[in-house]
N, C-alpha and C. Protein backbone atom coordinates (compact mmCIF):
# COMPACT_ATOMS: atom_id res chain seq x y z
N MET A 1 -12.74 -6.04 -5.24
CA MET A 1 -13.26 -5.89 -4.15
C MET A 1 -12.13 -3.54 -4.23
N LEU A 2 -13.34 -2.89 -3.61
CA LEU A 2 -13.51 -1.42 -3.72
C LEU A 2 -12.04 -1.17 -2.03
N VAL A 3 -10.79 -0.29 -2.63
CA VAL A 3 -10.46 0.19 -1.43
C VAL A 3 -11.04 1.24 -1.14
N THR A 4 -11.89 1.53 0.55
CA THR A 4 -12.75 2.32 0.69
C THR A 4 -11.64 3.86 1.45
N ASP A 5 -10.45 2.99 2.30
CA ASP A 5 -9.69 3.82 3.49
C ASP A 5 -8.34 3.04 3.23
N ILE A 6 -7.58 4.23 2.96
CA ILE A 6 -6.00 3.43 3.22
C ILE A 6 -5.08 4.40 4.93
N GLU A 7 -4.25 3.64 5.07
CA GLU A 7 -3.20 3.62 6.82
C GLU A 7 -2.66 3.26 6.78
N ILE A 8 -1.35 4.70 6.65
CA ILE A 8 -0.03 3.66 7.18
C ILE A 8 0.04 4.16 8.59
N ALA A 9 0.44 3.07 9.11
CA ALA A 9 1.28 3.45 10.34
C ALA A 9 2.59 3.16 11.10
N GLN A 10 2.47 2.55 12.08
CA GLN A 10 3.87 2.57 12.62
C GLN A 10 5.15 2.61 11.63
N TYR A 11 5.31 3.91 11.33
CA TYR A 11 6.43 4.16 10.12
C TYR A 11 7.78 4.31 11.13
N TYR A 12 8.84 4.12 10.10
CA TYR A 12 10.05 4.51 10.87
C TYR A 12 11.61 3.90 9.89
N TYR A 13 12.27 4.84 9.74
CA TYR A 13 13.02 4.89 8.81
C TYR A 13 14.06 3.94 9.36
N CYS A 14 14.74 2.85 8.98
CA CYS A 14 16.25 1.76 9.95
C CYS A 14 17.05 1.92 9.44
N SER A 15 17.97 2.82 10.12
CA SER A 15 19.52 3.66 9.67
C SER A 15 20.54 2.34 9.45
N GLY A 16 20.10 1.53 10.23
CA GLY A 16 20.87 -0.55 10.15
C GLY A 16 21.09 -0.78 8.63
N SER A 17 19.29 -0.57 7.43
CA SER A 17 19.00 -1.78 6.72
C SER A 17 18.54 -0.88 5.68
N SER A 18 18.96 0.86 6.00
CA SER A 18 18.43 1.84 4.71
C SER A 18 17.37 1.66 4.68
N ARG A 19 16.18 1.33 5.13
CA ARG A 19 14.73 1.30 4.44
C ARG A 19 14.45 2.47 5.46
N HIS A 20 12.64 2.33 4.77
CA HIS A 20 11.75 2.96 5.26
C HIS A 20 10.43 1.85 5.69
N ILE A 21 10.15 2.06 6.97
CA ILE A 21 9.14 0.52 7.16
C ILE A 21 8.19 1.17 7.26
N ALA A 22 6.70 0.19 7.45
CA ALA A 22 5.79 1.11 7.70
C ALA A 22 4.50 -0.35 7.92
N ASN A 23 3.05 0.23 8.56
CA ASN A 23 2.56 -1.09 7.98
C ASN A 23 1.08 -0.46 7.76
N VAL A 24 0.65 -1.46 6.21
CA VAL A 24 -0.51 0.14 5.57
C VAL A 24 -1.51 -1.18 5.30
N SER A 25 -2.50 0.00 5.80
CA SER A 25 -3.87 -0.75 5.92
C SER A 25 -4.75 -0.74 5.22
N MET A 26 -5.33 -1.32 3.71
CA MET A 26 -5.99 -1.32 3.08
C MET A 26 -7.49 -1.82 3.54
N THR A 27 -9.26 -0.55 4.00
CA THR A 27 -9.88 -1.09 4.01
C THR A 27 -11.04 -1.52 3.00
N LEU A 28 -10.75 -2.34 3.31
CA LEU A 28 -12.52 -2.90 1.63
C LEU A 28 -13.54 -3.35 2.25
N LYS A 29 -14.35 -3.57 1.84
CA LYS A 29 -16.13 -4.19 1.28
C LYS A 29 -16.07 -4.48 3.12
N HIS A 30 -15.90 -6.21 3.94
CA HIS A 30 -15.93 -6.15 4.91
C HIS A 30 -14.96 -6.79 5.74
N GLN A 31 -13.34 -6.19 4.84
CA GLN A 31 -12.50 -6.24 6.00
C GLN A 31 -11.32 -5.67 5.87
N VAL A 32 -10.07 -5.40 7.12
CA VAL A 32 -8.91 -4.50 6.64
C VAL A 32 -7.73 -5.31 6.60
N THR A 33 -7.06 -5.31 5.56
CA THR A 33 -6.21 -5.92 5.28
C THR A 33 -5.06 -4.99 5.84
N THR A 34 -3.80 -5.70 6.39
CA THR A 34 -2.55 -4.64 6.62
C THR A 34 -1.44 -5.62 7.03
N LEU A 35 -0.52 -4.41 5.89
CA LEU A 35 0.59 -5.56 5.58
C LEU A 35 1.67 -4.52 5.18
N PHE A 36 2.91 -5.30 5.62
CA PHE A 36 4.03 -4.65 6.46
C PHE A 36 5.11 -4.26 4.94
N CYS A 37 5.19 -3.39 5.27
CA CYS A 37 6.20 -2.73 4.23
C CYS A 37 7.11 -2.06 4.78
N ARG A 38 8.64 -3.02 3.66
CA ARG A 38 9.41 -1.62 3.70
C ARG A 38 9.92 -1.34 1.81
N LEU A 39 10.81 -0.45 2.11
CA LEU A 39 11.09 0.41 1.06
C LEU A 39 11.91 1.06 0.83
N ASP A 40 13.35 0.95 -0.22
CA ASP A 40 14.37 1.07 -0.16
C ASP A 40 14.78 2.57 -0.89
N LEU A 41 14.32 3.46 -0.18
CA LEU A 41 14.09 4.78 -0.06
C LEU A 41 15.68 5.78 0.01
N PRO A 42 15.85 6.93 -0.53
CA PRO A 42 16.71 7.85 0.32
C PRO A 42 15.76 7.97 1.11
N GLU A 43 17.03 7.95 2.28
CA GLU A 43 16.68 8.38 3.79
C GLU A 43 15.59 9.94 4.01
N ASP A 44 16.19 11.03 2.63
CA ASP A 44 15.07 12.14 3.31
C ASP A 44 14.08 12.77 1.48
N GLU A 45 13.99 11.14 1.18
CA GLU A 45 12.43 10.97 0.28
C GLU A 45 11.18 12.20 1.37
N ASN A 46 10.52 12.65 -0.13
CA ASN A 46 9.39 13.60 0.72
C ASN A 46 8.22 12.88 1.54
N ALA A 47 7.45 13.29 2.11
CA ALA A 47 6.51 12.67 2.63
C ALA A 47 5.18 11.77 1.68
N LYS A 48 4.89 12.81 0.61
CA LYS A 48 4.11 12.57 -0.27
C LYS A 48 4.10 10.83 -1.19
N ASP A 49 5.58 10.81 -1.74
CA ASP A 49 6.68 10.07 -2.56
C ASP A 49 6.48 8.93 -1.77
N ARG A 50 7.06 8.92 -0.48
CA ARG A 50 7.35 7.82 0.30
C ARG A 50 5.69 7.49 0.45
N ALA A 51 4.49 8.13 0.85
CA ALA A 51 3.70 7.67 1.04
C ALA A 51 2.57 6.79 -0.83
N THR A 52 3.46 7.21 -1.45
CA THR A 52 2.72 6.30 -2.76
C THR A 52 2.86 5.50 -2.45
N ALA A 53 4.50 5.54 -2.73
CA ALA A 53 5.39 3.99 -2.50
C ALA A 53 4.97 2.98 -1.30
N PHE A 54 5.02 3.61 -0.84
CA PHE A 54 4.34 2.42 0.64
C PHE A 54 3.26 1.84 0.07
N VAL A 55 2.20 2.48 -0.87
CA VAL A 55 0.64 2.57 -1.03
C VAL A 55 0.96 0.77 -2.29
N ALA A 56 1.80 1.93 -3.59
CA ALA A 56 2.30 0.68 -4.53
C ALA A 56 2.86 -0.82 -3.46
N GLU A 57 3.78 -0.24 -2.99
CA GLU A 57 3.87 -2.14 -2.33
C GLU A 57 2.58 -2.73 -1.59
N ALA A 58 2.18 -2.72 -0.90
CA ALA A 58 1.22 -3.02 -0.23
C ALA A 58 0.31 -3.30 -1.46
N THR A 59 -0.21 -2.90 -2.42
CA THR A 59 -1.43 -2.90 -3.80
C THR A 59 -0.22 -4.50 -4.53
N ARG A 60 1.02 -3.92 -4.69
CA ARG A 60 1.71 -5.48 -4.93
C ARG A 60 1.31 -6.39 -3.91
N GLN A 61 1.66 -6.56 -3.20
CA GLN A 61 1.56 -7.26 -1.82
C GLN A 61 -0.13 -8.23 -1.93
N LEU A 62 -0.55 -7.55 -2.10
CA LEU A 62 -2.18 -7.72 -2.01
C LEU A 62 -2.86 -8.40 -3.85
N LEU A 63 -2.16 -8.39 -4.27
CA LEU A 63 -2.34 -8.19 -5.58
C LEU A 63 -1.41 -10.09 -5.72
N ARG A 64 -1.10 -10.37 -5.29
CA ARG A 64 -0.10 -11.41 -4.78
C ARG A 64 -0.99 -12.63 -4.19
N MET A 65 -2.03 -12.24 -3.11
CA MET A 65 -2.46 -12.92 -2.17
C MET A 65 -3.55 -13.65 -3.64
N PRO A 66 -3.89 -15.07 -3.04
CA PRO A 66 -5.01 -16.12 -4.07
C PRO A 66 -5.68 -15.65 -4.87
N GLU A 67 -6.85 -14.91 -4.60
CA GLU A 67 -8.10 -14.27 -4.47
C GLU A 67 -8.36 -13.37 -5.72
N TYR A 68 -6.72 -12.36 -5.52
CA TYR A 68 -6.89 -11.43 -6.69
C TYR A 68 -5.72 -12.34 -8.10
N ARG A 69 -4.71 -13.40 -7.53
CA ARG A 69 -4.04 -14.19 -8.46
C ARG A 69 -5.40 -14.53 -9.27
N SER A 70 -6.08 -14.90 -8.00
CA SER A 70 -6.33 -16.28 -9.47
C SER A 70 -7.72 -15.23 -10.57
N GLY A 71 -7.77 -14.04 -9.80
CA GLY A 71 -8.71 -12.75 -10.84
C GLY A 71 -10.28 -13.41 -10.89
N ARG A 72 -10.13 -14.71 -9.25
CA ARG A 72 -11.68 -14.55 -8.84
C ARG A 72 -12.39 -12.78 -7.98
N GLN A 73 -11.32 -12.27 -7.81
CA GLN A 73 -11.91 -11.06 -7.17
C GLN A 73 -11.24 -9.57 -7.90
N THR A 74 -11.32 -8.47 -8.54
CA THR A 74 -10.48 -7.30 -9.25
C THR A 74 -10.42 -6.41 -7.24
N LEU A 75 -9.19 -5.95 -7.51
CA LEU A 75 -8.24 -4.83 -6.84
C LEU A 75 -9.41 -3.30 -7.40
N SER A 76 -9.88 -2.51 -6.79
CA SER A 76 -9.75 -0.76 -7.47
C SER A 76 -9.81 0.05 -6.36
N PHE A 77 -9.53 0.96 -6.29
CA PHE A 77 -9.87 1.92 -5.16
C PHE A 77 -10.69 3.22 -5.80
N SER A 78 -11.35 3.71 -4.59
CA SER A 78 -11.99 4.43 -4.74
C SER A 78 -11.97 5.72 -4.62
N GLU A 79 -12.20 6.58 -5.91
CA GLU A 79 -12.00 8.07 -6.07
C GLU A 79 -11.97 9.39 -4.64
N THR A 80 -12.65 8.85 -4.14
CA THR A 80 -12.13 10.05 -2.73
C THR A 80 -10.91 9.59 -2.13
N LEU A 81 -10.33 8.40 -2.55
CA LEU A 81 -8.28 8.25 -1.99
C LEU A 81 -7.37 8.80 -2.73
N GLY A 82 -7.96 10.22 -3.97
CA GLY A 82 -7.44 10.76 -4.65
C GLY A 82 -6.68 10.40 -5.82
N GLY A 83 -4.81 10.36 -5.68
CA GLY A 83 -3.87 10.27 -6.03
C GLY A 83 -3.60 8.88 -6.42
N PHE A 84 -4.39 7.64 -5.28
CA PHE A 84 -4.21 5.95 -5.60
C PHE A 84 -4.61 5.00 -5.87
N SER A 85 -5.52 6.34 -7.20
CA SER A 85 -6.62 5.15 -7.83
C SER A 85 -5.84 5.22 -9.08
N ALA A 86 -4.23 5.95 -9.66
CA ALA A 86 -3.89 5.47 -10.98
C ALA A 86 -3.10 4.34 -10.45
N LEU A 87 -3.30 3.64 -9.36
CA LEU A 87 -2.87 2.65 -8.21
C LEU A 87 -3.29 1.12 -8.81
N GLN A 88 -3.90 1.58 -9.17
CA GLN A 88 -4.66 0.07 -9.25
C GLN A 88 -4.60 -0.83 -11.15
N SER A 89 -4.32 0.07 -12.31
CA SER A 89 -3.48 -0.55 -12.90
C SER A 89 -2.07 -0.88 -12.94
N ALA A 90 -1.34 -0.54 -11.81
CA ALA A 90 0.04 -0.82 -12.37
C ALA A 90 0.43 -2.65 -11.57
């Protein structure tokens, strides 16, 4: 399936657990999948690196779903997403 859009929403930093938390939505051909992601990164991590880490974590979660894990479907990223297309090989 081709990911055509990615949105990171409801972001916040939890000082109690020292984690960055957000929902990452990935738009596919006939569906939008939203994944809850938590990152163990320094509090002052720059926004671009944090966004890349959120997308990588969401991709990891998505690839563990049965349709991808079994090989019935593959996951790829639209070239319009820029640097995130490099994550498809991760």
